[in-house]
mmCIF file of all heavy atoms, coordinates in Angstrom:
data_MODEL
# 
_entry.id   MODEL 
# 
loop_
_atom_site.group_PDB 
_atom_site.id 
_atom_site.type_symbol 
_atom_site.label_atom_id 
_atom_site.label_alt_id 
_atom_site.label_comp_id 
_atom_site.label_asym_id 
_atom_site.label_entity_id 
_atom_site.label_seq_id 
_atom_site.pdbx_PDB_ins_code 
_atom_site.Cartn_x 
_atom_site.Cartn_y 
_atom_site.Cartn_z 
_atom_site.occupancy 
_atom_site.B_iso_or_equiv 
_atom_site.pdbx_formal_charge 
_atom_site.auth_seq_id 
_atom_site.auth_comp_id 
_atom_site.auth_asym_id 
_atom_site.auth_atom_id 
_atom_site.pdbx_PDB_model_num 
ATOM 1   N N   . ILE A 1 1  ? 24.266 -54.479 21.616 1.00 0.00 ? 1  ILE A N   1 
ATOM 2   C CA  . ILE A 1 1  ? 25.177 -54.894 20.551 1.00 0.00 ? 1  ILE A CA  1 
ATOM 3   C C   . ILE A 1 1  ? 25.530 -53.740 19.675 1.00 0.00 ? 1  ILE A C   1 
ATOM 4   O O   . ILE A 1 1  ? 26.694 -53.519 19.292 1.00 0.00 ? 1  ILE A O   1 
ATOM 5   C CB  . ILE A 1 1  ? 24.561 -56.053 19.729 1.00 0.00 ? 1  ILE A CB  1 
ATOM 6   C CG1 . ILE A 1 1  ? 24.432 -57.294 20.602 1.00 0.00 ? 1  ILE A CG1 1 
ATOM 7   C CG2 . ILE A 1 1  ? 25.413 -56.339 18.492 1.00 0.00 ? 1  ILE A CG2 1 
ATOM 8   C CD1 . ILE A 1 1  ? 23.649 -58.408 19.924 1.00 0.00 ? 1  ILE A CD1 1 
ATOM 9   N N   . LYS A 1 2  ? 24.522 -52.879 19.373 1.00 0.00 ? 2  LYS A N   1 
ATOM 10  C CA  . LYS A 1 2  ? 24.758 -51.689 18.559 1.00 0.00 ? 2  LYS A CA  1 
ATOM 11  C C   . LYS A 1 2  ? 25.723 -50.721 19.243 1.00 0.00 ? 2  LYS A C   1 
ATOM 12  O O   . LYS A 1 2  ? 26.608 -50.179 18.585 1.00 0.00 ? 2  LYS A O   1 
ATOM 13  C CB  . LYS A 1 2  ? 23.430 -50.998 18.221 1.00 0.00 ? 2  LYS A CB  1 
ATOM 14  C CG  . LYS A 1 2  ? 23.551 -49.807 17.309 1.00 0.00 ? 2  LYS A CG  1 
ATOM 15  C CD  . LYS A 1 2  ? 22.222 -49.197 17.012 1.00 0.00 ? 2  LYS A CD  1 
ATOM 16  C CE  . LYS A 1 2  ? 22.473 -47.968 16.088 1.00 0.00 ? 2  LYS A CE  1 
ATOM 17  N NZ  . LYS A 1 2  ? 21.189 -47.279 15.796 1.00 0.00 ? 2  LYS A NZ  1 
ATOM 18  N N   . ALA A 1 3  ? 25.532 -50.542 20.490 1.00 0.00 ? 3  ALA A N   1 
ATOM 19  C CA  . ALA A 1 3  ? 26.388 -49.603 21.252 1.00 0.00 ? 3  ALA A CA  1 
ATOM 20  C C   . ALA A 1 3  ? 27.810 -50.141 21.284 1.00 0.00 ? 3  ALA A C   1 
ATOM 21  O O   . ALA A 1 3  ? 28.771 -49.419 21.101 1.00 0.00 ? 3  ALA A O   1 
ATOM 22  C CB  . ALA A 1 3  ? 25.875 -49.415 22.660 1.00 0.00 ? 3  ALA A CB  1 
ATOM 23  N N   . THR A 1 4  ? 27.975 -51.462 21.476 1.00 0.00 ? 4  THR A N   1 
ATOM 24  C CA  . THR A 1 4  ? 29.316 -52.042 21.517 1.00 0.00 ? 4  THR A CA  1 
ATOM 25  C C   . THR A 1 4  ? 29.965 -51.940 20.117 1.00 0.00 ? 4  THR A C   1 
ATOM 26  O O   . THR A 1 4  ? 31.165 -51.654 20.018 1.00 0.00 ? 4  THR A O   1 
ATOM 27  C CB  . THR A 1 4  ? 29.225 -53.518 21.943 1.00 0.00 ? 4  THR A CB  1 
ATOM 28  O OG1 . THR A 1 4  ? 28.554 -53.617 23.192 1.00 0.00 ? 4  THR A OG1 1 
ATOM 29  C CG2 . THR A 1 4  ? 30.601 -54.151 22.053 1.00 0.00 ? 4  THR A CG2 1 
ATOM 30  N N   . PHE A 1 5  ? 29.212 -52.173 19.090 1.00 0.00 ? 5  PHE A N   1 
ATOM 31  C CA  . PHE A 1 5  ? 29.737 -52.033 17.724 1.00 0.00 ? 5  PHE A CA  1 
ATOM 32  C C   . PHE A 1 5  ? 30.198 -50.622 17.425 1.00 0.00 ? 5  PHE A C   1 
ATOM 33  O O   . PHE A 1 5  ? 31.257 -50.429 16.879 1.00 0.00 ? 5  PHE A O   1 
ATOM 34  C CB  . PHE A 1 5  ? 28.686 -52.480 16.712 1.00 0.00 ? 5  PHE A CB  1 
ATOM 35  C CG  . PHE A 1 5  ? 29.138 -52.418 15.277 1.00 0.00 ? 5  PHE A CG  1 
ATOM 36  C CD1 . PHE A 1 5  ? 29.874 -53.455 14.759 1.00 0.00 ? 5  PHE A CD1 1 
ATOM 37  C CD2 . PHE A 1 5  ? 28.833 -51.327 14.509 1.00 0.00 ? 5  PHE A CD2 1 
ATOM 38  C CE1 . PHE A 1 5  ? 30.323 -53.410 13.430 1.00 0.00 ? 5  PHE A CE1 1 
ATOM 39  C CE2 . PHE A 1 5  ? 29.296 -51.274 13.195 1.00 0.00 ? 5  PHE A CE2 1 
ATOM 40  C CZ  . PHE A 1 5  ? 30.019 -52.336 12.665 1.00 0.00 ? 5  PHE A CZ  1 
ATOM 41  N N   . GLU A 1 6  ? 29.386 -49.649 17.836 1.00 0.00 ? 6  GLU A N   1 
ATOM 42  C CA  . GLU A 1 6  ? 29.720 -48.255 17.560 1.00 0.00 ? 6  GLU A CA  1 
ATOM 43  C C   . GLU A 1 6  ? 30.985 -47.810 18.347 1.00 0.00 ? 6  GLU A C   1 
ATOM 44  O O   . GLU A 1 6  ? 31.729 -46.981 17.907 1.00 0.00 ? 6  GLU A O   1 
ATOM 45  C CB  . GLU A 1 6  ? 28.558 -47.331 17.828 1.00 0.00 ? 6  GLU A CB  1 
ATOM 46  C CG  . GLU A 1 6  ? 27.469 -47.474 16.818 1.00 0.00 ? 6  GLU A CG  1 
ATOM 47  C CD  . GLU A 1 6  ? 26.213 -46.694 17.169 1.00 0.00 ? 6  GLU A CD  1 
ATOM 48  O OE1 . GLU A 1 6  ? 26.101 -46.175 18.292 1.00 0.00 ? 6  GLU A OE1 1 
ATOM 49  O OE2 . GLU A 1 6  ? 25.315 -46.582 16.275 1.00 0.00 ? 6  GLU A OE2 1 
ATOM 50  N N   . GLN A 1 7  ? 31.173 -48.402 19.498 1.00 0.00 ? 7  GLN A N   1 
ATOM 51  C CA  . GLN A 1 7  ? 32.386 -48.119 20.263 1.00 0.00 ? 7  GLN A CA  1 
ATOM 52  C C   . GLN A 1 7  ? 33.614 -48.772 19.586 1.00 0.00 ? 7  GLN A C   1 
ATOM 53  O O   . GLN A 1 7  ? 34.664 -48.130 19.537 1.00 0.00 ? 7  GLN A O   1 
ATOM 54  C CB  . GLN A 1 7  ? 32.290 -48.655 21.703 1.00 0.00 ? 7  GLN A CB  1 
ATOM 55  C CG  . GLN A 1 7  ? 31.530 -47.770 22.647 1.00 0.00 ? 7  GLN A CG  1 
ATOM 56  C CD  . GLN A 1 7  ? 31.472 -48.390 24.038 1.00 0.00 ? 7  GLN A CD  1 
ATOM 57  O OE1 . GLN A 1 7  ? 31.770 -49.580 24.221 1.00 0.00 ? 7  GLN A OE1 1 
ATOM 58  N NE2 . GLN A 1 7  ? 31.120 -47.587 24.991 1.00 0.00 ? 7  GLN A NE2 1 
ATOM 59  N N   . SER A 1 8  ? 33.465 -49.950 19.089 1.00 0.00 ? 8  SER A N   1 
ATOM 60  C CA  . SER A 1 8  ? 34.579 -50.669 18.518 1.00 0.00 ? 8  SER A CA  1 
ATOM 61  C C   . SER A 1 8  ? 34.948 -50.158 17.131 1.00 0.00 ? 8  SER A C   1 
ATOM 62  O O   . SER A 1 8  ? 36.136 -50.004 16.802 1.00 0.00 ? 8  SER A O   1 
ATOM 63  C CB  . SER A 1 8  ? 34.288 -52.165 18.374 1.00 0.00 ? 8  SER A CB  1 
ATOM 64  O OG  . SER A 1 8  ? 33.968 -52.722 19.630 1.00 0.00 ? 8  SER A OG  1 
ATOM 65  N N   . VAL A 1 9  ? 33.926 -49.863 16.316 1.00 0.00 ? 9  VAL A N   1 
ATOM 66  C CA  . VAL A 1 9  ? 34.137 -49.376 14.922 1.00 0.00 ? 9  VAL A CA  1 
ATOM 67  C C   . VAL A 1 9  ? 33.282 -48.128 14.741 1.00 0.00 ? 9  VAL A C   1 
ATOM 68  O O   . VAL A 1 9  ? 32.212 -48.190 14.212 1.00 0.00 ? 9  VAL A O   1 
ATOM 69  C CB  . VAL A 1 9  ? 33.763 -50.467 13.916 1.00 0.00 ? 9  VAL A CB  1 
ATOM 70  C CG1 . VAL A 1 9  ? 34.153 -50.073 12.500 1.00 0.00 ? 9  VAL A CG1 1 
ATOM 71  C CG2 . VAL A 1 9  ? 34.312 -51.828 14.294 1.00 0.00 ? 9  VAL A CG2 1 
ATOM 72  N N   . PRO A 1 10 ? 33.790 -46.950 15.119 1.00 0.00 ? 10 PRO A N   1 
ATOM 73  C CA  . PRO A 1 10 ? 32.983 -45.762 15.098 1.00 0.00 ? 10 PRO A CA  1 
ATOM 74  C C   . PRO A 1 10 ? 32.636 -45.246 13.711 1.00 0.00 ? 10 PRO A C   1 
ATOM 75  O O   . PRO A 1 10 ? 31.639 -44.556 13.544 1.00 0.00 ? 10 PRO A O   1 
ATOM 76  C CB  . PRO A 1 10 ? 33.849 -44.741 15.894 1.00 0.00 ? 10 PRO A CB  1 
ATOM 77  C CG  . PRO A 1 10 ? 35.224 -45.274 15.820 1.00 0.00 ? 10 PRO A CG  1 
ATOM 78  C CD  . PRO A 1 10 ? 35.135 -46.722 15.691 1.00 0.00 ? 10 PRO A CD  1 
ATOM 79  N N   . ASN A 1 11 ? 33.397 -45.540 12.687 1.00 0.00 ? 11 ASN A N   1 
ATOM 80  C CA  . ASN A 1 11 ? 33.161 -44.974 11.362 1.00 0.00 ? 11 ASN A CA  1 
ATOM 81  C C   . ASN A 1 11 ? 32.309 -45.845 10.486 1.00 0.00 ? 11 ASN A C   1 
ATOM 82  O O   . ASN A 1 11 ? 32.126 -45.527 9.286  1.00 0.00 ? 11 ASN A O   1 
ATOM 83  C CB  . ASN A 1 11 ? 34.501 -44.731 10.661 1.00 0.00 ? 11 ASN A CB  1 
ATOM 84  C CG  . ASN A 1 11 ? 35.316 -43.666 11.386 1.00 0.00 ? 11 ASN A CG  1 
ATOM 85  O OD1 . ASN A 1 11 ? 34.758 -42.758 12.038 1.00 0.00 ? 11 ASN A OD1 1 
ATOM 86  N ND2 . ASN A 1 11 ? 36.614 -43.739 11.280 1.00 0.00 ? 11 ASN A ND2 1 
ATOM 87  N N   . SER A 1 12 ? 31.795 -46.956 10.987 1.00 0.00 ? 12 SER A N   1 
ATOM 88  C CA  . SER A 1 12 ? 30.971 -47.842 10.166 1.00 0.00 ? 12 SER A CA  1 
ATOM 89  C C   . SER A 1 12 ? 29.509 -47.847 10.641 1.00 0.00 ? 12 SER A C   1 
ATOM 90  O O   . SER A 1 12 ? 29.245 -47.606 11.850 1.00 0.00 ? 12 SER A O   1 
ATOM 91  C CB  . SER A 1 12 ? 31.493 -49.271 10.289 1.00 0.00 ? 12 SER A CB  1 
ATOM 92  O OG  . SER A 1 12 ? 32.795 -49.341 9.738  1.00 0.00 ? 12 SER A OG  1 
ATOM 93  N N   . ALA A 1 13 ? 28.612 -48.086 9.704  1.00 0.00 ? 13 ALA A N   1 
ATOM 94  C CA  . ALA A 1 13 ? 27.177 -48.200 10.057 1.00 0.00 ? 13 ALA A CA  1 
ATOM 95  C C   . ALA A 1 13 ? 26.887 -49.545 10.596 1.00 0.00 ? 13 ALA A C   1 
ATOM 96  O O   . ALA A 1 13 ? 27.428 -50.574 10.108 1.00 0.00 ? 13 ALA A O   1 
ATOM 97  C CB  . ALA A 1 13 ? 26.354 -47.879 8.835  1.00 0.00 ? 13 ALA A CB  1 
ATOM 98  N N   . PHE A 1 14 ? 26.019 -49.613 11.552 1.00 0.00 ? 14 PHE A N   1 
ATOM 99  C CA  . PHE A 1 14 ? 25.628 -50.915 12.138 1.00 0.00 ? 14 PHE A CA  1 
ATOM 100 C C   . PHE A 1 14 ? 24.469 -51.446 11.344 1.00 0.00 ? 14 PHE A C   1 
ATOM 101 O O   . PHE A 1 14 ? 23.335 -50.934 11.395 1.00 0.00 ? 14 PHE A O   1 
ATOM 102 C CB  . PHE A 1 14 ? 25.199 -50.673 13.601 1.00 0.00 ? 14 PHE A CB  1 
ATOM 103 C CG  . PHE A 1 14 ? 24.775 -51.938 14.305 1.00 0.00 ? 14 PHE A CG  1 
ATOM 104 C CD1 . PHE A 1 14 ? 25.664 -52.949 14.510 1.00 0.00 ? 14 PHE A CD1 1 
ATOM 105 C CD2 . PHE A 1 14 ? 23.475 -52.126 14.715 1.00 0.00 ? 14 PHE A CD2 1 
ATOM 106 C CE1 . PHE A 1 14 ? 25.266 -54.112 15.176 1.00 0.00 ? 14 PHE A CE1 1 
ATOM 107 C CE2 . PHE A 1 14 ? 23.048 -53.297 15.310 1.00 0.00 ? 14 PHE A CE2 1 
ATOM 108 C CZ  . PHE A 1 14 ? 23.967 -54.274 15.573 1.00 0.00 ? 14 PHE A CZ  1 
ATOM 109 N N   . GLU A 1 15 ? 24.739 -52.511 10.570 1.00 0.00 ? 15 GLU A N   1 
ATOM 110 C CA  . GLU A 1 15 ? 23.706 -53.178 9.747  1.00 0.00 ? 15 GLU A CA  1 
ATOM 111 C C   . GLU A 1 15 ? 23.684 -54.638 10.178 1.00 0.00 ? 15 GLU A C   1 
ATOM 112 O O   . GLU A 1 15 ? 24.712 -55.244 10.320 1.00 0.00 ? 15 GLU A O   1 
ATOM 113 C CB  . GLU A 1 15 ? 24.030 -53.060 8.240  1.00 0.00 ? 15 GLU A CB  1 
ATOM 114 C CG  . GLU A 1 15 ? 24.004 -51.640 7.757  1.00 0.00 ? 15 GLU A CG  1 
ATOM 115 C CD  . GLU A 1 15 ? 24.430 -51.563 6.292  1.00 0.00 ? 15 GLU A CD  1 
ATOM 116 O OE1 . GLU A 1 15 ? 24.581 -52.619 5.649  1.00 0.00 ? 15 GLU A OE1 1 
ATOM 117 O OE2 . GLU A 1 15 ? 24.593 -50.445 5.776  1.00 0.00 ? 15 GLU A OE2 1 
ATOM 118 N N   . TYR A 1 16 ? 22.493 -55.172 10.269 1.00 0.00 ? 16 TYR A N   1 
ATOM 119 C CA  . TYR A 1 16 ? 22.369 -56.536 10.715 1.00 0.00 ? 16 TYR A CA  1 
ATOM 120 C C   . TYR A 1 16 ? 21.228 -57.227 9.997  1.00 0.00 ? 16 TYR A C   1 
ATOM 121 O O   . TYR A 1 16 ? 20.313 -56.589 9.497  1.00 0.00 ? 16 TYR A O   1 
ATOM 122 C CB  . TYR A 1 16 ? 22.122 -56.641 12.242 1.00 0.00 ? 16 TYR A CB  1 
ATOM 123 C CG  . TYR A 1 16 ? 20.843 -56.008 12.661 1.00 0.00 ? 16 TYR A CG  1 
ATOM 124 C CD1 . TYR A 1 16 ? 19.695 -56.776 12.783 1.00 0.00 ? 16 TYR A CD1 1 
ATOM 125 C CD2 . TYR A 1 16 ? 20.751 -54.646 12.969 1.00 0.00 ? 16 TYR A CD2 1 
ATOM 126 C CE1 . TYR A 1 16 ? 18.488 -56.217 13.183 1.00 0.00 ? 16 TYR A CE1 1 
ATOM 127 C CE2 . TYR A 1 16 ? 19.531 -54.091 13.353 1.00 0.00 ? 16 TYR A CE2 1 
ATOM 128 C CZ  . TYR A 1 16 ? 18.438 -54.866 13.461 1.00 0.00 ? 16 TYR A CZ  1 
ATOM 129 O OH  . TYR A 1 16 ? 17.275 -54.329 13.861 1.00 0.00 ? 16 TYR A OH  1 
ATOM 130 N N   . THR A 1 17 ? 21.337 -58.541 9.897  1.00 0.00 ? 17 THR A N   1 
ATOM 131 C CA  . THR A 1 17 ? 20.250 -59.366 9.389  1.00 0.00 ? 17 THR A CA  1 
ATOM 132 C C   . THR A 1 17 ? 20.195 -60.611 10.254 1.00 0.00 ? 17 THR A C   1 
ATOM 133 O O   . THR A 1 17 ? 21.197 -61.018 10.894 1.00 0.00 ? 17 THR A O   1 
ATOM 134 C CB  . THR A 1 17 ? 20.521 -59.797 7.908  1.00 0.00 ? 17 THR A CB  1 
ATOM 135 O OG1 . THR A 1 17 ? 21.724 -60.463 7.844  1.00 0.00 ? 17 THR A OG1 1 
ATOM 136 C CG2 . THR A 1 17 ? 20.517 -58.613 6.974  1.00 0.00 ? 17 THR A CG2 1 
ATOM 137 N N   . PHE A 1 18 ? 19.115 -61.239 10.229 1.00 0.00 ? 18 PHE A N   1 
ATOM 138 C CA  . PHE A 1 18 ? 18.930 -62.497 10.974 1.00 0.00 ? 18 PHE A CA  1 
ATOM 139 C C   . PHE A 1 18 ? 19.223 -63.716 10.072 1.00 0.00 ? 18 PHE A C   1 
ATOM 140 O O   . PHE A 1 18 ? 18.926 -63.682 8.879  1.00 0.00 ? 18 PHE A O   1 
ATOM 141 C CB  . PHE A 1 18 ? 17.499 -62.601 11.566 1.00 0.00 ? 18 PHE A CB  1 
ATOM 142 C CG  . PHE A 1 18 ? 17.227 -61.587 12.610 1.00 0.00 ? 18 PHE A CG  1 
ATOM 143 C CD1 . PHE A 1 18 ? 16.444 -60.467 12.317 1.00 0.00 ? 18 PHE A CD1 1 
ATOM 144 C CD2 . PHE A 1 18 ? 17.757 -61.712 13.850 1.00 0.00 ? 18 PHE A CD2 1 
ATOM 145 C CE1 . PHE A 1 18 ? 16.176 -59.516 13.287 1.00 0.00 ? 18 PHE A CE1 1 
ATOM 146 C CE2 . PHE A 1 18 ? 17.521 -60.750 14.816 1.00 0.00 ? 18 PHE A CE2 1 
ATOM 147 C CZ  . PHE A 1 18 ? 16.729 -59.630 14.549 1.00 0.00 ? 18 PHE A CZ  1 
ATOM 148 N N   . ILE A 1 19 ? 19.803 -64.719 10.661 1.00 0.00 ? 19 ILE A N   1 
ATOM 149 C CA  . ILE A 1 19 ? 20.259 -65.852 9.858  1.00 0.00 ? 19 ILE A CA  1 
ATOM 150 C C   . ILE A 1 19 ? 19.042 -66.609 9.176  1.00 0.00 ? 19 ILE A C   1 
ATOM 151 O O   . ILE A 1 19 ? 19.151 -67.111 8.118  1.00 0.00 ? 19 ILE A O   1 
ATOM 152 C CB  . ILE A 1 19 ? 21.105 -66.789 10.717 1.00 0.00 ? 19 ILE A CB  1 
ATOM 153 C CG1 . ILE A 1 19 ? 21.789 -67.870 9.808  1.00 0.00 ? 19 ILE A CG1 1 
ATOM 154 C CG2 . ILE A 1 19 ? 20.312 -67.519 11.763 1.00 0.00 ? 19 ILE A CG2 1 
ATOM 155 C CD1 . ILE A 1 19 ? 22.915 -67.327 9.027  1.00 0.00 ? 19 ILE A CD1 1 
ATOM 156 N N   . ASP A 1 20 ? 17.926 -66.632 9.910  1.00 0.00 ? 20 ASP A N   1 
ATOM 157 C CA  . ASP A 1 20 ? 16.781 -67.316 9.342  1.00 0.00 ? 20 ASP A CA  1 
ATOM 158 C C   . ASP A 1 20 ? 16.262 -66.592 8.064  1.00 0.00 ? 20 ASP A C   1 
ATOM 159 O O   . ASP A 1 20 ? 15.795 -67.224 7.139  1.00 0.00 ? 20 ASP A O   1 
ATOM 160 C CB  . ASP A 1 20 ? 15.650 -67.487 10.381 1.00 0.00 ? 20 ASP A CB  1 
ATOM 161 C CG  . ASP A 1 20 ? 15.073 -66.199 10.908 1.00 0.00 ? 20 ASP A CG  1 
ATOM 162 O OD1 . ASP A 1 20 ? 15.844 -65.184 10.893 1.00 0.00 ? 20 ASP A OD1 1 
ATOM 163 O OD2 . ASP A 1 20 ? 13.932 -66.204 11.375 1.00 0.00 ? 20 ASP A OD2 1 
ATOM 164 N N   . GLU A 1 21 ? 16.384 -65.238 8.055  1.00 0.00 ? 21 GLU A N   1 
ATOM 165 C CA  . GLU A 1 21 ? 15.996 -64.526 6.836  1.00 0.00 ? 21 GLU A CA  1 
ATOM 166 C C   . GLU A 1 21 ? 16.942 -64.773 5.710  1.00 0.00 ? 21 GLU A C   1 
ATOM 167 O O   . GLU A 1 21 ? 16.512 -64.927 4.538  1.00 0.00 ? 21 GLU A O   1 
ATOM 168 C CB  . GLU A 1 21 ? 15.901 -63.012 7.171  1.00 0.00 ? 21 GLU A CB  1 
ATOM 169 C CG  . GLU A 1 21 ? 14.812 -62.603 8.143  1.00 0.00 ? 21 GLU A CG  1 
ATOM 170 C CD  . GLU A 1 21 ? 14.968 -61.159 8.560  1.00 0.00 ? 21 GLU A CD  1 
ATOM 171 O OE1 . GLU A 1 21 ? 15.958 -60.509 8.222  1.00 0.00 ? 21 GLU A OE1 1 
ATOM 172 O OE2 . GLU A 1 21 ? 14.044 -60.673 9.261  1.00 0.00 ? 21 GLU A OE2 1 
ATOM 173 N N   . ASN A 1 22 ? 18.215 -64.852 6.026  1.00 0.00 ? 22 ASN A N   1 
ATOM 174 C CA  . ASN A 1 22 ? 19.222 -65.158 4.989  1.00 0.00 ? 22 ASN A CA  1 
ATOM 175 C C   . ASN A 1 22 ? 18.975 -66.555 4.438  1.00 0.00 ? 22 ASN A C   1 
ATOM 176 O O   . ASN A 1 22 ? 18.980 -66.804 3.196  1.00 0.00 ? 22 ASN A O   1 
ATOM 177 C CB  . ASN A 1 22 ? 20.635 -65.094 5.540  1.00 0.00 ? 22 ASN A CB  1 
ATOM 178 C CG  . ASN A 1 22 ? 21.050 -63.691 5.826  1.00 0.00 ? 22 ASN A CG  1 
ATOM 179 O OD1 . ASN A 1 22 ? 20.422 -62.756 5.344  1.00 0.00 ? 22 ASN A OD1 1 
ATOM 180 N ND2 . ASN A 1 22 ? 22.103 -63.543 6.561  1.00 0.00 ? 22 ASN A ND2 1 
ATOM 181 N N   . LEU A 1 23 ? 18.729 -67.550 5.299  1.00 0.00 ? 23 LEU A N   1 
ATOM 182 C CA  . LEU A 1 23 ? 18.502 -68.904 4.836  1.00 0.00 ? 23 LEU A CA  1 
ATOM 183 C C   . LEU A 1 23 ? 17.193 -69.025 4.029  1.00 0.00 ? 23 LEU A C   1 
ATOM 184 O O   . LEU A 1 23 ? 17.111 -69.722 3.040  1.00 0.00 ? 23 LEU A O   1 
ATOM 185 C CB  . LEU A 1 23 ? 18.425 -69.892 6.005  1.00 0.00 ? 23 LEU A CB  1 
ATOM 186 C CG  . LEU A 1 23 ? 19.786 -70.152 6.668  1.00 0.00 ? 23 LEU A CG  1 
ATOM 187 C CD1 . LEU A 1 23 ? 19.578 -71.004 7.914  1.00 0.00 ? 23 LEU A CD1 1 
ATOM 188 C CD2 . LEU A 1 23 ? 20.731 -70.840 5.708  1.00 0.00 ? 23 LEU A CD2 1 
ATOM 189 N N   . GLU A 1 24 ? 16.167 -68.258 4.465  1.00 0.00 ? 24 GLU A N   1 
ATOM 190 C CA  . GLU A 1 24 ? 14.901 -68.286 3.764  1.00 0.00 ? 24 GLU A CA  1 
ATOM 191 C C   . GLU A 1 24 ? 15.071 -67.709 2.369  1.00 0.00 ? 24 GLU A C   1 
ATOM 192 O O   . GLU A 1 24 ? 14.558 -68.287 1.389  1.00 0.00 ? 24 GLU A O   1 
ATOM 193 C CB  . GLU A 1 24 ? 13.822 -67.504 4.505  1.00 0.00 ? 24 GLU A CB  1 
ATOM 194 C CG  . GLU A 1 24 ? 12.481 -67.525 3.826  1.00 0.00 ? 24 GLU A CG  1 
ATOM 195 C CD  . GLU A 1 24 ? 11.475 -66.711 4.617  1.00 0.00 ? 24 GLU A CD  1 
ATOM 196 O OE1 . GLU A 1 24 ? 11.678 -66.446 5.775  1.00 0.00 ? 24 GLU A OE1 1 
ATOM 197 O OE2 . GLU A 1 24 ? 10.468 -66.365 3.962  1.00 0.00 ? 24 GLU A OE2 1 
ATOM 198 N N   . SER A 1 25 ? 15.812 -66.630 2.206  1.00 0.00 ? 25 SER A N   1 
ATOM 199 C CA  . SER A 1 25 ? 16.006 -66.055 0.842  1.00 0.00 ? 25 SER A CA  1 
ATOM 200 C C   . SER A 1 25 ? 16.827 -67.007 -0.027 1.00 0.00 ? 25 SER A C   1 
ATOM 201 O O   . SER A 1 25 ? 16.612 -67.122 -1.209 1.00 0.00 ? 25 SER A O   1 
ATOM 202 C CB  . SER A 1 25 ? 16.633 -64.704 0.953  1.00 0.00 ? 25 SER A CB  1 
ATOM 203 O OG  . SER A 1 25 ? 17.963 -64.803 1.407  1.00 0.00 ? 25 SER A OG  1 
# 
């Protein structure tokens, strides 16, 4: 997923979070 993201949007940093962590917070 990171490789695909970097190919699609090369000037952006790949940051991710999991939905369960978001819901928990």
